[in-house]
Protein backbone atom coordinates (compact mmCIF):
# COMPACT_ATOMS: atom_id res chain seq x y z
CA MET A 1 0.10 0.04 -0.03
CA ARG A 2 1.25 3.46 -0.81
CA ALA A 3 -1.36 6.31 -0.57
CA ILE A 4 -1.39 9.96 -0.48
CA VAL A 5 -4.33 12.13 1.09
CA LEU A 6 -3.74 15.74 -0.01
CA MET A 7 -6.16 18.12 2.16
CA PHE A 8 -7.02 21.85 1.74
CA ASP A 9 -9.24 23.33 4.41
CA SER A 10 -11.95 25.52 3.51
CA LEU A 11 -11.68 24.64 -0.34
CA ASN A 12 -14.55 26.35 -2.48
CA ARG A 13 -15.43 24.12 -5.57
CA HIS A 14 -16.80 27.53 -7.18
CA MET A 15 -13.22 28.68 -7.43
CA LEU A 16 -11.82 25.35 -8.85
CA PRO A 17 -11.32 24.96 -12.71
CA PRO A 18 -12.67 21.46 -12.44
CA TYR A 19 -16.07 22.54 -11.23
CA GLU A 20 -16.35 26.22 -12.45
CA PRO A 21 -14.51 26.37 -15.83
CA ASP A 22 -14.95 30.43 -15.92
CA THR A 23 -13.35 30.89 -12.20
CA PHE A 24 -10.93 33.74 -11.96
CA VAL A 25 -8.53 31.67 -10.13
CA GLU A 26 -5.74 30.27 -12.25
CA ALA A 27 -5.32 26.83 -10.87
CA PRO A 28 -4.06 24.66 -13.79
CA ASN A 29 -2.48 22.03 -11.60
CA PHE A 30 -6.06 21.20 -10.00
CA ALA A 31 -7.25 20.72 -13.51
CA ARG A 32 -4.43 18.40 -14.40
CA LEU A 33 -5.30 16.45 -11.40
CA ALA A 34 -9.08 16.13 -12.45
CA GLU A 35 -7.90 14.90 -15.65
CA ARG A 36 -6.16 11.89 -14.28
CA ALA A 37 -8.63 11.31 -11.16
CA VAL A 38 -12.31 11.12 -10.47
CA THR A 39 -14.34 14.31 -10.01
CA PHE A 40 -17.33 13.91 -7.65
CA ASP A 41 -20.11 16.03 -8.92
CA ASP A 42 -22.72 14.88 -5.95
CA PHE A 43 -20.73 14.84 -2.95
CA TYR A 44 -21.90 16.19 0.70
CA ALA A 45 -20.10 16.46 3.86
CA GLY A 46 -20.96 15.54 7.43
CA SER A 47 -19.63 17.84 10.00
CA MET A 48 -18.09 20.94 8.50
CA PRO A 49 -15.88 22.68 11.00
CA CYS A 50 -12.30 21.57 11.79
CA MET A 51 -12.03 18.78 14.30
CA PRO A 52 -15.48 17.48 13.85
CA ALA A 53 -14.82 16.65 10.29
CA ARG A 54 -11.47 15.14 11.18
CA ARG A 55 -12.92 12.96 13.57
CA GLU A 56 -15.18 11.54 10.85
CA MET A 57 -12.45 11.05 8.63
CA HIS A 58 -10.63 9.00 11.29
CA THR A 59 -13.67 6.94 12.48
CA GLY A 60 -16.10 6.88 9.48
CA ARG A 61 -18.98 7.89 11.38
CA TYR A 62 -20.96 11.03 11.48
CA ASN A 63 -19.71 13.43 14.53
CA PHE A 64 -22.45 15.92 14.66
CA LEU A 65 -25.24 13.61 15.31
CA HIS A 66 -24.20 13.35 19.00
CA ARG A 67 -21.48 15.96 19.93
CA SER A 68 -19.63 18.99 18.93
CA TRP A 69 -16.01 19.98 18.69
CA GLY A 70 -13.73 17.80 20.40
CA PRO A 71 -11.13 15.16 20.61
CA LEU A 72 -11.20 11.55 19.55
CA GLU A 73 -13.21 9.57 22.18
CA PRO A 74 -11.75 6.20 23.94
CA PHE A 75 -14.05 4.24 22.12
CA ASP A 76 -13.06 5.47 18.64
CA ASP A 77 -11.23 3.58 16.14
CA SER A 78 -8.92 5.81 14.06
CA MET A 79 -7.96 4.80 10.86
CA PRO A 80 -4.38 5.98 10.72
CA GLU A 81 -3.86 3.99 14.03
CA LEU A 82 -5.67 0.99 12.70
CA LEU A 83 -3.11 1.05 9.47
CA LYS A 84 -0.26 1.65 11.88
CA GLN A 85 -1.25 -1.27 13.76
CA ALA A 86 -1.43 -3.43 10.49
CA GLY A 87 2.09 -2.51 9.66
CA VAL A 88 1.48 0.88 7.42
CA HIS A 89 3.65 3.74 8.11
CA THR A 90 1.60 6.64 8.32
CA HIS A 91 2.81 10.05 8.40
CA LEU A 92 1.20 13.53 8.89
CA ALA A 93 2.59 16.67 7.65
CA THR A 94 0.49 19.86 8.68
CA ASP A 95 0.07 23.28 9.36
CA HIS A 96 -3.38 23.02 10.95
CA GLN A 97 -2.86 24.25 14.55
CA HIS A 98 -6.41 23.10 16.12
CA TYR A 99 -4.61 19.51 16.16
CA PHE A 100 -2.57 21.01 19.13
CA GLU A 101 -5.31 22.83 21.09
CA ASP A 102 -7.89 21.56 23.77
CA GLY A 103 -10.48 19.71 21.72
CA GLY A 104 -8.07 18.51 19.13
CA GLY A 105 -5.04 17.09 20.92
CA ASN A 106 -5.05 13.50 20.23
CA TYR A 107 -5.45 13.08 16.65
CA HIS A 108 -1.79 13.57 15.52
CA THR A 109 -0.79 10.80 17.80
CA ARG A 110 -2.55 8.09 16.16
CA TYR A 111 -0.04 8.43 13.15
CA SER A 112 3.24 6.73 13.13
CA THR A 113 5.20 9.81 12.83
CA TRP A 114 4.04 13.63 12.42
CA GLU A 115 5.34 17.11 11.61
CA PHE A 116 3.70 20.42 12.64
CA PHE A 117 4.76 23.90 11.08
CA ARG A 118 3.68 26.96 13.03
CA GLY A 119 2.06 30.40 12.22
CA GLN A 120 -1.65 29.86 10.97
CA GLU A 121 -4.65 31.91 11.92
CA GLY A 122 -3.24 33.48 15.37
CA ASP A 123 -1.46 30.31 16.42
CA PRO A 124 0.32 31.18 19.51
CA TRP A 125 3.68 30.66 18.07
CA LYS A 126 6.07 33.77 18.66
CA GLY A 127 5.92 35.82 22.01
CA VAL A 128 5.99 39.48 21.92
CA VAL A 129 4.77 41.07 25.01
CA PRO A 130 2.36 43.92 24.68
CA ARG A 131 3.86 47.56 24.98
CA PRO A 132 2.01 50.05 27.29
CA ASP A 133 1.52 52.24 24.37
CA GLU A 134 0.27 49.48 21.94
CA PRO A 135 -3.01 50.25 20.40
CA ALA A 136 -5.92 48.01 21.92
CA GLY A 137 -7.47 47.31 18.59
CA ASP A 138 -10.98 47.80 17.17
CA PRO A 139 -13.37 47.89 20.17
CA ALA A 140 -16.03 46.56 17.98
CA VAL A 141 -14.18 43.36 17.55
CA HIS A 142 -14.71 40.55 20.39
CA PRO A 143 -11.47 40.44 22.71
CA VAL A 144 -10.64 36.90 21.63
CA PHE A 145 -10.35 38.01 17.75
CA ARG A 146 -8.80 40.92 18.80
CA ALA A 147 -5.97 38.73 20.30
CA LEU A 148 -5.93 36.47 17.58
CA HIS A 149 -5.46 39.37 14.76
CA ARG A 150 -2.41 40.83 17.24
CA GLN A 151 -0.91 37.39 17.22
CA ASP A 152 -1.63 36.77 13.61
CA ALA A 153 0.17 40.11 12.54
CA ILE A 154 3.38 38.99 14.83
CA ASN A 155 3.35 35.43 13.05
CA ARG A 156 3.35 37.08 9.56
CA SER A 157 6.23 39.44 10.31
CA CYS A 158 8.28 35.94 10.79
CA MET A 159 7.21 34.77 7.41
CA PRO A 160 8.76 37.67 5.05
CA THR A 161 9.42 35.39 2.16
CA GLU A 162 7.42 32.29 0.50
CA ALA A 163 10.14 30.14 1.55
CA ASP A 164 9.48 30.89 5.20
CA HIS A 165 5.75 30.68 4.88
CA ASN A 166 4.34 27.63 6.88
CA GLN A 167 2.48 26.49 3.97
CA THR A 168 5.90 26.17 1.93
CA ARG A 169 7.26 24.28 4.79
CA THR A 170 4.51 21.95 4.92
CA VAL A 171 4.56 21.25 1.15
CA ASP A 172 8.23 20.65 1.58
CA ALA A 173 7.83 18.01 4.28
CA GLY A 174 5.48 16.25 2.20
CA ILE A 175 7.53 16.07 -0.86
CA HIS A 176 10.51 15.07 1.27
CA PHE A 177 8.66 12.23 2.71
CA LEU A 178 7.83 11.33 -0.62
CA GLU A 179 11.42 11.41 -1.98
CA THR A 180 12.86 9.87 1.25
CA ASN A 181 10.12 6.50 0.59
CA VAL A 182 9.59 6.42 -3.08
CA GLY A 183 11.39 2.90 -2.93
CA ALA A 184 9.34 1.57 -0.03
CA ASP A 185 6.22 -0.10 0.36
CA ASN A 186 3.34 0.21 2.99
CA TRP A 187 3.00 3.83 3.82
CA PHE A 188 0.09 6.41 4.03
CA LEU A 189 0.85 10.09 3.67
CA GLN A 190 -1.51 12.81 4.86
CA LEU A 191 -0.23 16.20 3.45
CA GLU A 192 -2.66 18.75 5.11
CA LEU A 193 -2.70 22.37 4.48
CA PHE A 194 -4.90 24.81 6.55
CA ASP A 195 -5.22 26.86 3.47
CA PRO A 196 -7.28 28.53 1.90
CA HIS A 197 -8.86 28.93 5.19
CA GLU A 198 -8.91 32.73 6.29
CA PRO A 199 -6.84 34.64 7.20
CA PHE A 200 -5.78 35.04 3.44
CA PHE A 201 -2.08 35.87 4.19
CA THR A 202 -0.38 35.67 0.82
CA HIS A 203 2.57 37.37 -0.22
CA GLU A 204 2.71 40.28 -2.83
CA ASP A 205 3.94 38.63 -5.71
CA HIS A 206 1.11 36.35 -5.66
CA LYS A 207 -1.46 39.41 -4.94
CA LYS A 208 -0.29 41.05 -8.09
CA ARG A 209 -1.41 38.36 -10.08
CA TYR A 210 -5.17 39.22 -8.97
CA ALA A 211 -4.55 43.00 -8.91
CA HIS A 212 -7.66 45.03 -8.93
CA ASP A 213 -9.12 48.67 -7.96
CA TYR A 214 -9.70 48.79 -4.06
CA ASP A 215 -9.00 51.81 -1.66
CA GLY A 216 -10.68 50.49 1.35
CA PRO A 217 -9.41 48.82 4.62
CA GLN A 218 -7.06 45.84 4.85
CA PHE A 219 -9.37 42.94 4.81
CA ASP A 220 -8.25 39.46 4.40
CA TRP A 221 -9.89 37.94 7.35
CA PRO A 222 -13.68 38.06 7.28
CA GLY A 223 -15.49 37.32 10.56
CA TYR A 224 -17.87 34.32 11.04
CA GLN A 225 -21.01 36.61 10.70
CA LYS A 226 -23.72 37.91 8.29
CA VAL A 227 -21.89 39.96 5.32
CA THR A 228 -22.33 43.42 6.04
CA GLU A 229 -19.28 45.00 4.22
CA PRO A 230 -19.70 46.83 0.97
CA ALA A 231 -19.61 44.81 -2.36
CA SER A 232 -16.13 46.31 -3.25
CA GLN A 233 -14.85 45.03 0.15
CA VAL A 234 -16.19 41.57 -0.51
CA ALA A 235 -14.87 41.40 -3.98
CA HIS A 236 -11.40 42.58 -2.67
CA ALA A 237 -11.58 39.57 -0.09
CA LEU A 238 -12.35 37.13 -3.04
CA ARG A 239 -9.47 38.05 -5.02
CA VAL A 240 -7.24 38.12 -2.04
CA ARG A 241 -8.54 34.48 -1.54
CA GLY A 242 -7.72 33.69 -5.01
CA ALA A 243 -4.25 34.54 -4.74
CA ARG A 244 -3.98 32.39 -1.49
CA LEU A 245 -5.27 29.13 -3.54
CA ASP A 246 -3.17 29.96 -6.70
CA VAL A 247 0.00 30.17 -4.70
CA ARG A 248 2.88 28.12 -6.16
CA ARG A 249 3.32 26.06 -3.12
CA LEU A 250 -0.30 24.66 -3.17
CA ALA A 251 0.31 24.24 -6.99
CA ARG A 252 3.42 22.26 -6.21
CA ALA A 253 1.81 19.88 -3.68
CA VAL A 254 -0.93 19.07 -6.53
CA ALA A 255 1.82 18.82 -9.18
CA GLY A 256 3.83 16.17 -6.86
CA LEU A 257 1.17 13.89 -7.61
CA HIS A 258 1.58 13.76 -11.34
CA GLY A 259 5.15 12.35 -11.37
CA ARG A 260 8.46 12.04 -9.43
CA PRO A 261 8.61 14.93 -7.08
CA ARG A 262 11.50 17.16 -7.48
CA HIS A 263 13.98 18.17 -4.76
CA VAL A 264 12.89 21.17 -2.75
CA GLY A 265 14.90 22.81 0.11
CA ARG A 266 13.54 22.63 3.45
CA HIS A 267 13.24 26.10 5.47
CA ASP A 268 12.89 26.81 9.14
CA ALA A 269 11.95 30.33 10.21
CA ASP A 270 12.22 29.79 13.85
CA HIS A 271 15.50 31.22 14.55
CA GLN A 272 15.93 33.48 11.14
CA HIS A 273 13.56 36.52 11.96
CA ARG A 274 12.69 38.43 14.96
CA PRO A 275 8.95 38.83 15.23
CA ARG A 276 7.49 42.58 15.19
CA LEU A 277 4.38 43.98 16.57
CA PRO A 278 1.38 44.63 14.79
CA ALA A 279 1.62 48.17 12.65
CA ARG A 280 -0.02 51.05 14.76
């Protein structure tokens, strides 16, 4: 057995060429993958949020029929763990931080080996003590989300280039696993990316591919709420999200399934860049 599961969080079918030929998103590698794979036209997810969906993947049972967000239960059978017990090496490469929080802390331990790359969505990664004169943030935003936004700005300052981005390092790790084990048998790789989940943090070279007229506030992290922003701001967020999906590191992950993975250098930004406070 040699199997690869390639996961993208919050991937919208209406932005993908196999489902929407007129989409503004340039994603040729997704089109190439669809040419060599089965494309589902009528498929329904069970429990949509992060950890409930992953519990369903591990157990093969619906989660929301009896509980909300949470870890694997003591009575749950886990697919990666069952494979491991049957002699298949299971490996997880991910930048999905919810695996390592309360309510998600025992999924990654079911794999034979696992790697986690920090920095997504306000992940408590780099520590910067607040200054007395630091702005308190928008009072209309809930304090929990104000703290997440502050931490996210700090994390972004530690990823100044595409090579430093947690998404790049996650894809590099997946390709490294494939290159290392290309001649082996009995392995299962889960290459799991939090993107294109919000916030839509993308470097400028990718945003330029989706240039558009916009002079409103920075807006790449829509809230979980009724849409009240003007149409121009919503359109801006969609363009930024398109750049998030089109980035080369996502395309490389898909392209890697089409042939022998090429060598990619691995990067670690942990000790290379000093974190900065959010701009005033």
